[in-house]
């Protein structure tokens, strides 16, 4: 088995993790027409509330995921 230095392993791991995140700029949302039409018919204040709700749901889900991974790693 080939022995790799710690610095090389960390660099390789960072590169492998960076590749999927670097390619996400090519991804587009599905652009559901029903959602777009319903949102377009609402006042600007409601659209801002939708945007804030999306951010809140993303942060909440991400923090729950990170917390569960941290707990699982800690109790390993």
PDB file of N, CA and C in Angstrom:
ATOM      1  N   UNK A   1       0.840  -1.180   0.000  1.00  0.00           N
ATOM      2  CA  UNK A   1       0.000   0.000   0.000  1.00  0.00           C
ATOM      3  C   UNK A   1       0.882   1.238   0.000  1.00  0.00           C
ATOM      4  N   UNK A   2       0.490   2.229  -0.744  1.00  0.00           N
ATOM      5  CA  UNK A   2       1.264   3.462  -0.838  1.00  0.00           C
ATOM      6  C   UNK A   2       0.972   4.333   0.375  1.00  0.00           C
ATOM      7  N   UNK A   3       2.017   4.829   0.996  1.00  0.00           N
ATOM      8  CA  UNK A   3       1.850   5.707   2.147  1.00  0.00           C
ATOM      9  C   UNK A   3       1.834   7.152   1.663  1.00  0.00           C
ATOM     10  N   UNK A   4       0.818   7.865   2.061  1.00  0.00           N
ATOM     11  CA  UNK A   4       0.691   9.266   1.684  1.00  0.00           C
ATOM     12  C   UNK A   4       0.875  10.128   2.916  1.00  0.00           C
ATOM     13  N   UNK A   5       1.447  11.283   2.712  1.00  0.00           N
ATOM     14  CA  UNK A   5       1.599  12.198   3.837  1.00  0.00           C
ATOM     15  C   UNK A   5       0.238  12.777   4.206  1.00  0.00           C
ATOM     16  N   UNK A   6       0.162  13.235   5.406  1.00  0.00           N
ATOM     17  CA  UNK A   6      -1.096  13.802   5.903  1.00  0.00           C
ATOM     18  C   UNK A   6      -1.515  15.021   5.075  1.00  0.00           C
ATOM     19  N   UNK A   7      -0.548  15.837   4.717  1.00  0.00           N
ATOM     20  CA  UNK A   7      -0.840  17.034   3.930  1.00  0.00           C
ATOM     21  C   UNK A   7      -1.377  16.661   2.545  1.00  0.00           C
ATOM     22  N   UNK A   8      -0.803  15.641   1.938  1.00  0.00           N
ATOM     23  CA  UNK A   8      -1.260  15.189   0.629  1.00  0.00           C
ATOM     24  C   UNK A   8      -2.679  14.623   0.717  1.00  0.00           C
ATOM     25  N   UNK A   9      -2.961  13.835   1.753  1.00  0.00           N
ATOM     26  CA  UNK A   9      -4.301  13.275   1.926  1.00  0.00           C
ATOM     27  C   UNK A   9      -5.339  14.370   2.120  1.00  0.00           C
ATOM     28  N   UNK A  10      -5.001  15.392   2.920  1.00  0.00           N
ATOM     29  CA  UNK A  10      -5.936  16.491   3.127  1.00  0.00           C
ATOM     30  C   UNK A  10      -6.185  17.263   1.830  1.00  0.00           C
ATOM     31  N   UNK A  11      -5.130  17.469   1.062  1.00  0.00           N
ATOM     32  CA  UNK A  11      -5.289  18.152  -0.217  1.00  0.00           C
ATOM     33  C   UNK A  11      -6.130  17.352  -1.188  1.00  0.00           C
ATOM     34  N   UNK A  12      -5.895  16.059  -1.234  1.00  0.00           N
ATOM     35  CA  UNK A  12      -6.670  15.194  -2.106  1.00  0.00           C
ATOM     36  C   UNK A  12      -8.139  15.155  -1.683  1.00  0.00           C
ATOM     37  N   UNK A  13      -8.379  15.082  -0.389  1.00  0.00           N
ATOM     38  CA  UNK A  13      -9.742  15.067   0.114  1.00  0.00           C
ATOM     39  C   UNK A  13     -10.445  16.393  -0.190  1.00  0.00           C
ATOM     40  N   UNK A  14      -9.738  17.499  -0.023  1.00  0.00           N
ATOM     41  CA  UNK A  14     -10.319  18.802  -0.334  1.00  0.00           C
ATOM     42  C   UNK A  14     -10.653  18.906  -1.821  1.00  0.00           C
ATOM     43  N   UNK A  15      -9.786  18.398  -2.660  1.00  0.00           N
ATOM     44  CA  UNK A  15     -10.032  18.424  -4.100  1.00  0.00           C
ATOM     45  C   UNK A  15     -11.249  17.574  -4.461  1.00  0.00           C
ATOM     46  N   UNK A  16     -11.336  16.384  -3.882  1.00  0.00           N
ATOM     47  CA  UNK A  16     -12.466  15.509  -4.181  1.00  0.00           C
ATOM     48  C   UNK A  16     -13.783  16.083  -3.671  1.00  0.00           C
ATOM     49  N   UNK A  17     -13.738  16.823  -2.572  1.00  0.00           N
ATOM     50  CA  UNK A  17     -14.953  17.456  -2.076  1.00  0.00           C
ATOM     51  C   UNK A  17     -15.286  18.717  -2.867  1.00  0.00           C
ATOM     52  N   UNK A  18     -14.300  19.384  -3.408  1.00  0.00           N
ATOM     53  CA  UNK A  18     -14.517  20.632  -4.138  1.00  0.00           C
ATOM     54  C   UNK A  18     -15.102  20.391  -5.531  1.00  0.00           C
ATOM     55  N   UNK A  19     -14.791  19.275  -6.149  1.00  0.00           N
ATOM     56  CA  UNK A  19     -15.247  19.013  -7.513  1.00  0.00           C
ATOM     57  C   UNK A  19     -16.773  19.070  -7.634  1.00  0.00           C
ATOM     58  N   UNK A  20     -17.548  18.372  -6.795  1.00  0.00           N
ATOM     59  CA  UNK A  20     -19.011  18.468  -6.954  1.00  0.00           C
ATOM     60  C   UNK A  20     -19.536  19.879  -6.695  1.00  0.00           C
ATOM     61  N   UNK A  21     -18.957  20.589  -5.743  1.00  0.00           N
ATOM     62  CA  UNK A  21     -19.421  21.941  -5.458  1.00  0.00           C
ATOM     63  C   UNK A  21     -19.027  22.900  -6.578  1.00  0.00           C
ATOM     64  N   UNK A  22     -17.927  22.658  -7.226  1.00  0.00           N
ATOM     65  CA  UNK A  22     -17.513  23.514  -8.326  1.00  0.00           C
ATOM     66  C   UNK A  22     -18.358  23.312  -9.570  1.00  0.00           C
ATOM     67  N   UNK A  23     -18.945  22.143  -9.712  1.00  0.00           N
ATOM     68  CA  UNK A  23     -19.766  21.858 -10.883  1.00  0.00           C
ATOM     69  C   UNK A  23     -21.224  22.253 -10.710  1.00  0.00           C
ATOM     70  N   UNK A  24     -21.613  22.697  -9.532  1.00  0.00           N
ATOM     71  CA  UNK A  24     -23.016  23.028  -9.310  1.00  0.00           C
ATOM     72  C   UNK A  24     -23.438  24.292 -10.026  1.00  0.00           C
ATOM     73  N   UNK A  25     -22.504  25.095 -10.485  1.00  0.00           N
ATOM     74  CA  UNK A  25     -22.907  26.296 -11.213  1.00  0.00           C
ATOM     75  C   UNK A  25     -23.581  25.931 -12.531  1.00  0.00           C
ATOM     76  N   UNK A  26     -23.392  24.721 -13.007  1.00  0.00           N
ATOM     77  CA  UNK A  26     -24.028  24.270 -14.234  1.00  0.00           C
ATOM     78  C   UNK A  26     -25.458  23.793 -14.010  1.00  0.00           C
ATOM     79  N   UNK A  27     -25.845  23.585 -12.759  1.00  0.00           N
ATOM     80  CA  UNK A  27     -27.176  23.081 -12.448  1.00  0.00           C
ATOM     81  C   UNK A  27     -28.177  24.234 -12.391  1.00  0.00           C
ATOM     82  N   UNK A  28     -29.382  23.968 -12.863  1.00  0.00           N
ATOM     83  CA  UNK A  28     -30.443  24.957 -12.826  1.00  0.00           C
ATOM     84  C   UNK A  28     -31.648  24.362 -12.113  1.00  0.00           C
ATOM     85  N   UNK A  29     -32.456  25.219 -11.518  1.00  0.00           N
ATOM     86  CA  UNK A  29     -33.669  24.715 -10.880  1.00  0.00           C
ATOM     87  C   UNK A  29     -34.665  24.291 -11.940  1.00  0.00           C
ATOM     88  N   UNK A  30     -35.663  23.526 -11.545  1.00  0.00           N
ATOM     89  CA  UNK A  30     -36.595  23.005 -12.531  1.00  0.00           C
ATOM     90  C   UNK A  30     -37.523  24.081 -13.071  1.00  0.00           C
ATOM     91  N   UNK A  31     -37.729  25.159 -12.340  1.00  0.00           N
ATOM     92  CA  UNK A  31     -38.561  26.244 -12.839  1.00  0.00           C
ATOM     93  C   UNK A  31     -40.017  25.843 -13.022  1.00  0.00           C
ATOM     94  N   UNK A  32     -40.624  25.335 -11.979  1.00  0.00           N
ATOM     95  CA  UNK A  32     -42.018  24.897 -12.027  1.00  0.00           C
ATOM     96  C   UNK A  32     -42.911  26.080 -12.414  1.00  0.00           C
ATOM     97  N   UNK A  33     -43.652  25.942 -13.491  1.00  0.00           N
ATOM     98  CA  UNK A  33     -44.465  27.057 -13.983  1.00  0.00           C
ATOM     99  C   UNK A  33     -45.612  27.390 -13.040  1.00  0.00           C
ATOM    100  N   UNK A  34     -46.174  26.391 -12.393  1.00  0.00           N
ATOM    101  CA  UNK A  34     -47.262  26.664 -11.464  1.00  0.00           C
ATOM    102  C   UNK A  34     -46.757  27.478 -10.275  1.00  0.00           C
ATOM    103  N   UNK A  35     -45.604  27.119  -9.751  1.00  0.00           N
ATOM    104  CA  UNK A  35     -45.034  27.883  -8.634  1.00  0.00           C
ATOM    105  C   UNK A  35     -44.692  29.304  -9.074  1.00  0.00           C
ATOM    106  N   UNK A  36     -44.134  29.425 -10.271  1.00  0.00           N
ATOM    107  CA  UNK A  36     -43.760  30.750 -10.770  1.00  0.00           C
ATOM    108  C   UNK A  36     -45.004  31.618 -10.973  1.00  0.00           C
ATOM    109  N   UNK A  37     -46.059  31.039 -11.532  1.00  0.00           N
ATOM    110  CA  UNK A  37     -47.291  31.800 -11.760  1.00  0.00           C
ATOM    111  C   UNK A  37     -47.950  32.204 -10.453  1.00  0.00           C
ATOM    112  N   UNK A  38     -47.971  31.280  -9.490  1.00  0.00           N
ATOM    113  CA  UNK A  38     -48.571  31.610  -8.193  1.00  0.00           C
ATOM    114  C   UNK A  38     -47.779  32.689  -7.473  1.00  0.00           C
ATOM    115  N   UNK A  39     -46.475  32.634  -7.561  1.00  0.00           N
ATOM    116  CA  UNK A  39     -45.644  33.624  -6.891  1.00  0.00           C
ATOM    117  C   UNK A  39     -45.737  34.973  -7.591  1.00  0.00           C
ATOM    118  N   UNK A  40     -45.834  34.967  -8.896  1.00  0.00           N
ATOM    119  CA  UNK A  40     -45.915  36.224  -9.646  1.00  0.00           C
ATOM    120  C   UNK A  40     -47.205  36.979  -9.346  1.00  0.00           C
ATOM    121  N   UNK A  41     -48.237  36.280  -8.931  1.00  0.00           N
ATOM    122  CA  UNK A  41     -49.520  36.915  -8.648  1.00  0.00           C
ATOM    123  C   UNK A  41     -49.593  37.482  -7.234  1.00  0.00           C
ATOM    124  N   UNK A  42     -48.538  37.356  -6.470  1.00  0.00           N
ATOM    125  CA  UNK A  42     -48.546  37.835  -5.089  1.00  0.00           C
ATOM    126  C   UNK A  42     -47.848  39.181  -4.997  1.00  0.00           C
ATOM    127  N   UNK A  43     -48.138  39.941  -3.944  1.00  0.00           N
ATOM    128  CA  UNK A  43     -47.459  41.230  -3.763  1.00  0.00           C
ATOM    129  C   UNK A  43     -45.977  41.041  -3.423  1.00  0.00           C
ATOM    130  N   UNK A  44     -45.162  42.077  -3.605  1.00  0.00           N
ATOM    131  CA  UNK A  44     -43.722  41.971  -3.330  1.00  0.00           C
ATOM    132  C   UNK A  44     -43.394  41.559  -1.890  1.00  0.00           C
ATOM    133  N   UNK A  45     -44.200  41.973  -0.933  1.00  0.00           N
ATOM    134  CA  UNK A  45     -43.937  41.597   0.464  1.00  0.00           C
ATOM    135  C   UNK A  45     -44.059  40.085   0.651  1.00  0.00           C
ATOM    136  N   UNK A  46     -45.011  39.484  -0.026  1.00  0.00           N
ATOM    137  CA  UNK A  46     -45.187  38.028   0.070  1.00  0.00           C
ATOM    138  C   UNK A  46     -44.027  37.304  -0.586  1.00  0.00           C
ATOM    139  N   UNK A  47     -43.531  37.845  -1.705  1.00  0.00           N
ATOM    140  CA  UNK A  47     -42.376  37.231  -2.365  1.00  0.00           C
ATOM    141  C   UNK A  47     -41.142  37.285  -1.471  1.00  0.00           C
ATOM    142  N   UNK A  48     -40.954  38.410  -0.788  1.00  0.00           N
ATOM    143  CA  UNK A  48     -39.826  38.511   0.158  1.00  0.00           C
ATOM    144  C   UNK A  48     -39.979  37.493   1.281  1.00  0.00           C
ATOM    145  N   UNK A  49     -41.215  37.307   1.752  1.00  0.00           N
ATOM    146  CA  UNK A  49     -41.455  36.321   2.812  1.00  0.00           C
ATOM    147  C   UNK A  49     -41.134  34.916   2.325  1.00  0.00           C
ATOM    148  N   UNK A  50     -41.484  34.598   1.072  1.00  0.00           N
ATOM    149  CA  UNK A  50     -41.133  33.293   0.504  1.00  0.00           C
ATOM    150  C   UNK A  50     -39.618  33.102   0.461  1.00  0.00           C
ATOM    151  N   UNK A  51     -38.905  34.136   0.023  1.00  0.00           N
ATOM    152  CA  UNK A  51     -37.440  34.033  -0.044  1.00  0.00           C
ATOM    153  C   UNK A  51     -36.836  33.802   1.333  1.00  0.00           C
ATOM    154  N   UNK A  52     -37.341  34.527   2.335  1.00  0.00           N
ATOM    155  CA  UNK A  52     -36.834  34.341   3.698  1.00  0.00           C
ATOM    156  C   UNK A  52     -37.178  32.949   4.226  1.00  0.00           C
ATOM    157  N   UNK A  53     -38.365  32.456   3.880  1.00  0.00           N
ATOM    158  CA  UNK A  53     -38.758  31.114   4.328  1.00  0.00           C
ATOM    159  C   UNK A  53     -37.867  30.050   3.708  1.00  0.00           C
ATOM    160  N   UNK A  54     -37.500  30.224   2.447  1.00  0.00           N
ATOM    161  CA  UNK A  54     -36.611  29.259   1.794  1.00  0.00           C
ATOM    162  C   UNK A  54     -35.255  29.242   2.485  1.00  0.00           C
ATOM    163  N   UNK A  55     -34.719  30.415   2.786  1.00  0.00           N
ATOM    164  CA  UNK A  55     -33.430  30.492   3.486  1.00  0.00           C
ATOM    165  C   UNK A  55     -33.535  29.870   4.869  1.00  0.00           C
ATOM    166  N   UNK A  56     -34.617  30.153   5.581  1.00  0.00           N
ATOM    167  CA  UNK A  56     -34.808  29.590   6.920  1.00  0.00           C
ATOM    168  C   UNK A  56     -34.874  28.064   6.874  1.00  0.00           C
ATOM    169  N   UNK A  57     -35.610  27.517   5.902  1.00  0.00           N
ATOM    170  CA  UNK A  57     -35.704  26.051   5.802  1.00  0.00           C
ATOM    171  C   UNK A  57     -34.356  25.430   5.440  1.00  0.00           C
ATOM    172  N   UNK A  58     -33.589  26.107   4.591  1.00  0.00           N
ATOM    173  CA  UNK A  58     -32.276  25.590   4.212  1.00  0.00           C
ATOM    174  C   UNK A  58     -31.324  25.586   5.396  1.00  0.00           C
ATOM    175  N   UNK A  59     -31.298  26.685   6.136  1.00  0.00           N
ATOM    176  CA  UNK A  59     -30.405  26.776   7.296  1.00  0.00           C
ATOM    177  C   UNK A  59     -30.812  25.773   8.368  1.00  0.00           C
ATOM    178  N   UNK A  60     -32.104  25.629   8.587  1.00  0.00           N
ATOM    179  CA  UNK A  60     -32.581  24.685   9.604  1.00  0.00           C
ATOM    180  C   UNK A  60     -32.215  23.253   9.237  1.00  0.00           C
ATOM    181  N   UNK A  61     -32.482  22.864   8.005  1.00  0.00           N
ATOM    182  CA  UNK A  61     -32.151  21.504   7.574  1.00  0.00           C
ATOM    183  C   UNK A  61     -30.654  21.245   7.598  1.00  0.00           C
ATOM    184  N   UNK A  62     -29.872  22.224   7.147  1.00  0.00           N
ATOM    185  CA  UNK A  62     -28.417  22.069   7.157  1.00  0.00           C
ATOM    186  C   UNK A  62     -27.853  21.960   8.560  1.00  0.00           C
ATOM    187  N   UNK A  63     -28.387  22.788   9.478  1.00  0.00           N
ATOM    188  CA  UNK A  63     -27.873  22.723  10.848  1.00  0.00           C
ATOM    189  C   UNK A  63     -28.260  21.412  11.530  1.00  0.00           C
ATOM    190  N   UNK A  64     -29.444  20.902  11.246  1.00  0.00           N
ATOM    191  CA  UNK A  64     -29.820  19.595  11.798  1.00  0.00           C
ATOM    192  C   UNK A  64     -28.916  18.487  11.263  1.00  0.00           C
ATOM    193  N   UNK A  65     -28.601  18.548   9.988  1.00  0.00           N
ATOM    194  CA  UNK A  65     -27.706  17.558   9.396  1.00  0.00           C
ATOM    195  C   UNK A  65     -26.318  17.642  10.019  1.00  0.00           C
ATOM    196  N   UNK A  66     -25.771  18.840  10.142  1.00  0.00           N
ATOM    197  CA  UNK A  66     -24.434  19.009  10.704  1.00  0.00           C
ATOM    198  C   UNK A  66     -24.403  18.564  12.162  1.00  0.00           C
ATOM    199  N   UNK A  67     -25.460  18.900  12.918  1.00  0.00           N
ATOM    200  CA  UNK A  67     -25.511  18.489  14.318  1.00  0.00           C
ATOM    201  C   UNK A  67     -25.577  16.970  14.449  1.00  0.00           C
ATOM    202  N   UNK A  68     -26.354  16.316  13.593  1.00  0.00           N
ATOM    203  CA  UNK A  68     -26.447  14.858  13.685  1.00  0.00           C
ATOM    204  C   UNK A  68     -25.131  14.192  13.289  1.00  0.00           C
ATOM    205  N   UNK A  69     -24.451  14.722  12.289  1.00  0.00           N
ATOM    206  CA  UNK A  69     -23.150  14.165  11.917  1.00  0.00           C
ATOM    207  C   UNK A  69     -22.146  14.364  13.046  1.00  0.00           C
ATOM    208  N   UNK A  70     -22.158  15.534  13.672  1.00  0.00           N
ATOM    209  CA  UNK A  70     -21.236  15.801  14.782  1.00  0.00           C
ATOM    210  C   UNK A  70     -21.504  14.857  15.946  1.00  0.00           C
ATOM    211  N   UNK A  71     -22.773  14.625  16.254  1.00  0.00           N
ATOM    212  CA  UNK A  71     -23.102  13.708  17.356  1.00  0.00           C
ATOM    213  C   UNK A  71     -22.707  12.275  17.028  1.00  0.00           C
ATOM    214  N   UNK A  72     -22.932  11.863  15.801  1.00  0.00           N
ATOM    215  CA  UNK A  72     -22.562  10.508  15.416  1.00  0.00           C
ATOM    216  C   UNK A  72     -21.039  10.310  15.451  1.00  0.00           C
ATOM    217  N   UNK A  73     -20.306  11.313  15.012  1.00  0.00           N
ATOM    218  CA  UNK A  73     -18.844  11.204  15.043  1.00  0.00           C
ATOM    219  C   UNK A  73     -18.331  11.220  16.473  1.00  0.00           C
ATOM    220  N   UNK A  74     -18.975  11.999  17.323  1.00  0.00           N
ATOM    221  CA  UNK A  74     -18.529  12.112  18.717  1.00  0.00           C
ATOM    222  C   UNK A  74     -18.771  10.805  19.484  1.00  0.00           C
ATOM    223  N   UNK A  75     -19.887  10.152  19.179  1.00  0.00           N
ATOM    224  CA  UNK A  75     -20.246   8.924  19.896  1.00  0.00           C
ATOM    225  C   UNK A  75     -19.742   7.669  19.212  1.00  0.00           C
ATOM    226  N   UNK A  76     -18.839   7.816  18.302  1.00  0.00           N
ATOM    227  CA  UNK A  76     -18.314   6.667  17.583  1.00  0.00           C
ATOM    228  C   UNK A  76     -17.557   5.769  18.458  1.00  0.00           C
TER     229      UNK A  76
END
